[in-house]
Amino acid sequence: MNMVTPVSKRAFRNVSALSSLLAACGGGGSDGASAAAAPAAIDPLSLKGRWVTAGGAPPAFTAIVVPEGGNAGAWVLANDASRVVRLVLRSDNTAAGKSYVLNPAGTAAADVMGSFTADLAASPKGFTINGVPAATLALTQSATLAVAAVQGDAAGTWTATLGGGAQTTQWVVTGSGSMTGSSTTGCTYAGIVVAMVNTTAFNVSFTETCPVGVPAAFSGIATVNAARSGSVPASADPRHRRAGPIPESAFRQ
């Protein structure tokens, strides 16, 4: 299961809006200025799918893009579990959201703004985010996520070993989507996984309860790969204070 779903800082430690306005300066005479053409607008919903950076080309990220109203929501995950960026992609080619640095101190999220371009005629399709989370993040589409998700595809026992073996987390998802779980750090999880009808992904929400601190609620998304061999959870709490991905293919049946 390729999941994008959250893990809090507790589990972790134990685990531009670029407006292209090239106003021409003068043209040299009194005839006025001619404005440079703005880049063609991209329907953000055309970016639905799973996107990856080229192998061996740092920084390595995986992005999951799903419909979100008339816009698209993007979860951009560092493959080394150092950062997760949650963006809204809009039809004016802008991207805005929150960036979370994943560290034991639980650094607060930062507001981020950027822009994006796409080459949807290429094979595979290309998608570039500018300014977030790197100066230029070039990705190619690895899965279209084109059809409705099947609820039963998320069912099973999913286990992840993180931090070089320091922590193991296990989630059990039923056929109806109920989820329970626990980790070797003493945290427990209870929530729900719900299939989306407009893409091959799932909405995920759960509460994490750990020995120290108060219970924390999180929400995010998840996808299941064809082999049902791996999962990528990542998301954030509603107050945008904490987030945490589990690296791609961390969760396995």
Protein backbone atom coordinates (compact mmCIF):
# COMPACT_ATOMS: atom_id res chain seq x y z
CA MET A 1 0.00 0.00 0.00
CA ASN A 2 1.48 3.31 -1.11
CA MET A 3 0.08 5.51 1.59
CA VAL A 4 0.18 9.18 2.23
CA THR A 5 -0.96 9.41 5.82
CA PRO A 6 0.46 11.01 8.97
CA VAL A 7 2.82 10.07 11.73
CA SER A 8 3.41 12.64 14.47
CA LYS A 9 6.70 14.04 15.74
CA ARG A 10 6.40 11.73 18.74
CA ALA A 11 6.39 8.69 16.53
CA PHE A 12 9.16 10.21 14.49
CA ARG A 13 11.46 10.89 17.34
CA ASN A 14 10.92 7.47 18.90
CA VAL A 15 10.39 7.55 14.58
CA SER A 16 6.14 31.21 -5.28
CA ALA A 17 3.13 32.35 -6.06
CA LEU A 18 5.25 33.33 -9.03
CA SER A 19 3.10 35.71 -11.05
CA SER A 20 4.62 35.88 -14.50
CA LEU A 21 4.07 39.55 -15.10
CA LEU A 22 6.78 40.55 -17.51
CA ALA A 23 5.58 44.06 -18.06
CA ALA A 24 7.61 45.19 -20.99
CA CYS A 25 9.68 48.16 -20.07
CA GLY A 26 9.28 50.66 -22.69
CA GLY A 27 9.80 49.29 -26.15
CA GLY A 28 12.01 52.28 -26.96
CA GLY A 29 9.41 54.71 -28.17
CA SER A 30 6.11 56.29 -27.41
CA ASP A 31 4.24 53.38 -28.99
CA GLY A 32 4.03 51.76 -25.52
CA ALA A 33 5.09 48.40 -24.14
CA SER A 34 4.30 44.93 -25.34
CA ALA A 35 3.81 42.43 -22.55
CA ALA A 36 5.57 39.09 -22.68
CA ALA A 37 3.26 36.15 -23.08
CA ALA A 38 2.40 34.37 -19.84
CA PRO A 39 2.82 30.60 -19.73
CA ALA A 40 -0.25 28.64 -20.74
CA ALA A 41 -2.51 27.81 -17.82
CA ILE A 42 -2.58 24.17 -16.78
CA ASP A 43 -5.68 22.44 -15.48
CA PRO A 44 -4.43 21.20 -12.10
CA LEU A 45 -6.76 18.21 -12.31
CA SER A 46 -4.72 16.98 -15.30
CA LEU A 47 -1.85 16.39 -12.88
CA LYS A 48 -3.63 13.63 -10.99
CA GLY A 49 -1.32 10.70 -10.32
CA ARG A 50 1.87 9.55 -8.66
CA TRP A 51 5.03 11.41 -9.68
CA VAL A 52 8.68 10.62 -8.94
CA THR A 53 12.06 12.26 -9.38
CA ALA A 54 14.61 10.60 -11.63
CA GLY A 55 16.54 7.76 -10.01
CA GLY A 56 19.85 8.88 -8.57
CA ALA A 57 19.07 12.58 -9.04
CA PRO A 58 18.92 14.35 -5.68
CA PRO A 59 16.79 15.53 -4.05
CA ALA A 60 14.62 12.41 -4.28
CA PHE A 61 10.88 13.01 -3.83
CA THR A 62 7.58 11.28 -4.50
CA ALA A 63 4.45 13.37 -5.13
CA ILE A 64 0.85 12.19 -4.97
CA VAL A 65 -1.61 14.56 -6.69
CA VAL A 66 -5.37 14.14 -6.18
CA PRO A 67 -8.44 16.24 -7.06
CA GLU A 68 -9.38 18.84 -4.47
CA GLY A 69 -12.44 20.77 -5.55
CA GLY A 70 -11.56 22.63 -8.74
CA ASN A 71 -7.90 22.52 -7.75
CA ALA A 72 -5.51 19.67 -7.01
CA GLY A 73 -3.92 18.67 -3.73
CA ALA A 74 -0.30 17.53 -3.79
CA TRP A 75 1.59 15.67 -1.07
CA VAL A 76 5.32 15.93 -1.85
CA LEU A 77 7.39 13.51 0.19
CA ALA A 78 11.17 13.40 0.61
CA ASN A 79 12.22 9.79 0.13
CA ASP A 80 14.62 10.09 3.06
CA ALA A 81 11.72 11.07 5.38
CA SER A 82 13.28 14.49 6.05
CA ARG A 83 10.42 16.65 4.74
CA VAL A 84 6.82 16.62 3.57
CA VAL A 85 5.18 19.48 1.66
CA ARG A 86 1.40 19.82 1.36
CA LEU A 87 0.38 22.02 -1.61
CA VAL A 88 -2.74 23.24 -3.37
CA LEU A 89 -2.15 23.52 -7.14
CA ARG A 90 -4.32 26.18 -8.84
CA SER A 91 -5.30 26.91 -12.43
CA ASP A 92 -3.10 30.03 -12.53
CA ASN A 93 -0.05 27.75 -12.20
CA THR A 94 0.59 28.72 -8.58
CA ALA A 95 1.25 26.35 -5.70
CA ALA A 96 0.85 27.22 -2.03
CA GLY A 97 0.80 25.30 1.20
CA LYS A 98 2.85 24.14 4.16
CA SER A 99 6.31 22.60 4.43
CA TYR A 100 7.17 20.35 7.37
CA VAL A 101 10.74 19.55 8.38
CA LEU A 102 10.67 16.18 10.10
CA ASN A 103 12.97 16.16 13.07
CA PRO A 104 12.87 15.11 16.70
CA ALA A 105 12.17 18.70 17.80
CA GLY A 106 8.96 18.82 15.78
CA THR A 107 9.80 22.07 13.97
CA ALA A 108 6.67 24.09 13.17
CA ALA A 109 5.41 24.10 9.58
CA ALA A 110 6.41 26.96 7.27
CA ASP A 111 4.19 28.66 4.69
CA VAL A 112 5.45 28.07 1.16
CA MET A 113 4.55 29.45 -2.27
CA GLY A 114 5.76 28.46 -5.71
CA SER A 115 4.68 27.75 -9.25
CA PHE A 116 4.44 24.74 -11.50
CA THR A 117 4.70 23.75 -15.15
CA ALA A 118 3.92 20.51 -16.93
CA ASP A 119 4.64 18.71 -20.18
CA LEU A 120 1.61 16.47 -20.52
CA ALA A 121 2.45 15.52 -24.12
CA ALA A 122 5.71 13.85 -23.11
CA SER A 123 6.01 10.14 -22.43
CA PRO A 124 6.16 9.79 -19.52
CA LYS A 125 4.42 13.02 -18.60
CA GLY A 126 6.53 15.65 -16.86
CA PHE A 127 5.64 17.93 -13.95
CA THR A 128 7.94 20.57 -12.43
CA ILE A 129 7.44 22.47 -9.18
CA ASN A 130 9.44 25.69 -8.86
CA GLY A 131 10.40 27.09 -5.47
CA VAL A 132 8.94 24.26 -3.37
CA PRO A 133 10.53 22.26 -1.82
CA ALA A 134 13.66 22.86 -3.94
CA ALA A 135 14.53 25.54 -6.50
CA THR A 136 13.36 23.19 -9.22
CA LEU A 137 11.81 19.79 -8.61
CA ALA A 138 11.34 17.83 -11.84
CA LEU A 139 9.11 14.75 -11.69
CA THR A 140 7.74 12.20 -14.12
CA GLN A 141 4.45 10.34 -13.81
CA SER A 142 4.74 6.77 -12.58
CA ALA A 143 1.00 6.04 -12.17
CA THR A 144 -2.12 7.85 -13.38
CA LEU A 145 -4.41 6.96 -10.45
CA ALA A 146 -7.17 7.39 -13.02
CA VAL A 147 -9.99 5.19 -11.73
CA ALA A 148 -11.96 5.01 -8.51
CA ALA A 149 -10.27 3.23 -5.63
CA VAL A 150 -11.66 -0.10 -4.43
CA GLN A 151 -12.28 -0.10 -0.70
CA GLY A 152 -11.17 -3.70 -0.21
CA ASP A 153 -7.76 -3.00 -1.75
CA ALA A 154 -6.67 -1.27 1.44
CA ALA A 155 -7.62 -4.19 3.66
CA GLY A 156 -4.87 -6.17 5.36
CA THR A 157 -2.10 -5.96 7.91
CA TRP A 158 0.53 -3.40 7.00
CA THR A 159 3.88 -3.27 8.77
CA ALA A 160 6.72 -0.75 8.58
CA THR A 161 10.19 -0.83 10.11
CA LEU A 162 11.65 2.65 10.47
CA GLY A 163 14.71 4.43 11.77
CA GLY A 164 17.11 1.69 10.80
CA GLY A 165 15.07 -0.86 12.68
CA ALA A 166 14.51 1.34 15.74
CA GLN A 167 10.73 1.36 15.36
CA THR A 168 8.12 -0.96 13.94
CA THR A 169 4.58 0.23 13.22
CA GLN A 170 1.71 -2.07 12.29
CA TRP A 171 -1.72 -1.09 11.03
CA VAL A 172 -4.65 -3.45 10.49
CA VAL A 173 -7.26 -2.22 7.99
CA THR A 174 -10.57 -4.07 7.64
CA GLY A 175 -12.59 -4.51 4.48
CA SER A 176 -14.89 -1.68 5.56
CA GLY A 177 -11.95 0.66 6.20
CA SER A 178 -11.64 0.63 9.98
CA MET A 179 -8.01 0.92 11.05
CA THR A 180 -6.24 0.09 14.30
CA GLY A 181 -2.54 -0.16 15.00
CA SER A 182 0.38 0.15 17.33
CA SER A 183 4.11 0.84 17.32
CA THR A 184 7.03 -0.41 19.33
CA THR A 185 7.35 3.13 20.75
CA GLY A 186 4.13 2.52 22.68
CA CYS A 187 1.82 4.56 20.49
CA THR A 188 -1.56 3.25 19.34
CA TYR A 189 -3.66 4.25 16.34
CA ALA A 190 -7.37 4.20 15.54
CA GLY A 191 -9.02 5.60 12.44
CA ILE A 192 -10.57 4.99 9.06
CA VAL A 193 -9.45 4.53 5.45
CA VAL A 194 -12.05 5.54 2.82
CA ALA A 195 -11.80 4.94 -0.95
CA MET A 196 -12.04 8.03 -3.19
CA VAL A 197 -14.40 7.91 -6.15
CA ASN A 198 -12.48 10.33 -8.40
CA THR A 199 -8.99 8.80 -8.21
CA THR A 200 -7.23 5.61 -7.16
CA ALA A 201 -6.50 6.83 -3.66
CA PHE A 202 -7.93 6.79 -0.16
CA ASN A 203 -8.71 9.43 2.45
CA VAL A 204 -7.12 8.48 5.76
CA SER A 205 -7.80 9.91 9.20
CA PHE A 206 -6.74 8.61 12.58
CA THR A 207 -5.89 9.48 16.15
CA GLU A 208 -2.49 8.69 17.62
CA THR A 209 -2.24 8.07 21.34
CA CYS A 210 1.22 7.83 22.90
CA PRO A 211 2.49 7.31 26.45
CA VAL A 212 3.55 10.98 26.66
CA GLY A 213 1.33 13.89 25.66
CA VAL A 214 -2.29 14.13 24.59
CA PRO A 215 -3.88 12.22 21.69
CA ALA A 216 -3.33 13.85 18.30
CA ALA A 217 -5.62 13.70 15.25
CA PHE A 218 -4.23 13.50 11.72
CA SER A 219 -5.57 13.25 8.18
CA GLY A 220 -4.02 12.47 4.83
CA ILE A 221 -4.28 10.24 1.78
CA ALA A 222 -3.10 6.79 0.72
CA THR A 223 -2.55 4.83 -2.46
CA VAL A 224 -2.08 1.10 -3.01
CA ASN A 225 0.42 -0.09 -5.58
CA ALA A 226 -0.41 -2.87 -8.02
CA ALA A 227 1.83 -5.37 -6.27
CA ARG A 228 0.35 -4.50 -2.85
CA SER A 229 3.93 -4.63 -1.66
CA GLY A 230 4.65 -1.13 -0.43
CA SER A 231 3.17 1.95 1.16
CA VAL A 232 3.97 5.64 1.67
CA PRO A 233 2.13 7.32 4.57
CA ALA A 234 2.35 11.12 5.11
CA SER A 235 0.16 14.03 6.31
CA ALA A 236 -0.42 16.69 8.90
CA ASP A 237 -2.54 17.58 11.86
CA PRO A 238 -5.32 20.16 11.31
CA ARG A 239 -3.33 22.88 13.08
CA HIS A 240 -0.39 22.41 10.69
CA ARG A 241 2.09 21.80 13.49
CA ARG A 242 3.24 18.28 12.80
CA ALA A 243 3.53 15.84 9.97
CA GLY A 244 5.55 12.83 8.98
CA PRO A 245 5.85 10.55 6.01
CA ILE A 246 6.93 6.97 6.06
CA PRO A 247 9.30 6.43 3.13
CA GLU A 248 7.94 4.79 -0.02
CA SER A 249 7.42 1.06 0.29
CA ALA A 250 7.81 1.20 4.07
CA PHE A 251 4.45 -0.45 4.71
CA ARG A 252 4.17 -4.01 3.44
CA GLN A 253 1.72 -6.86 3.73
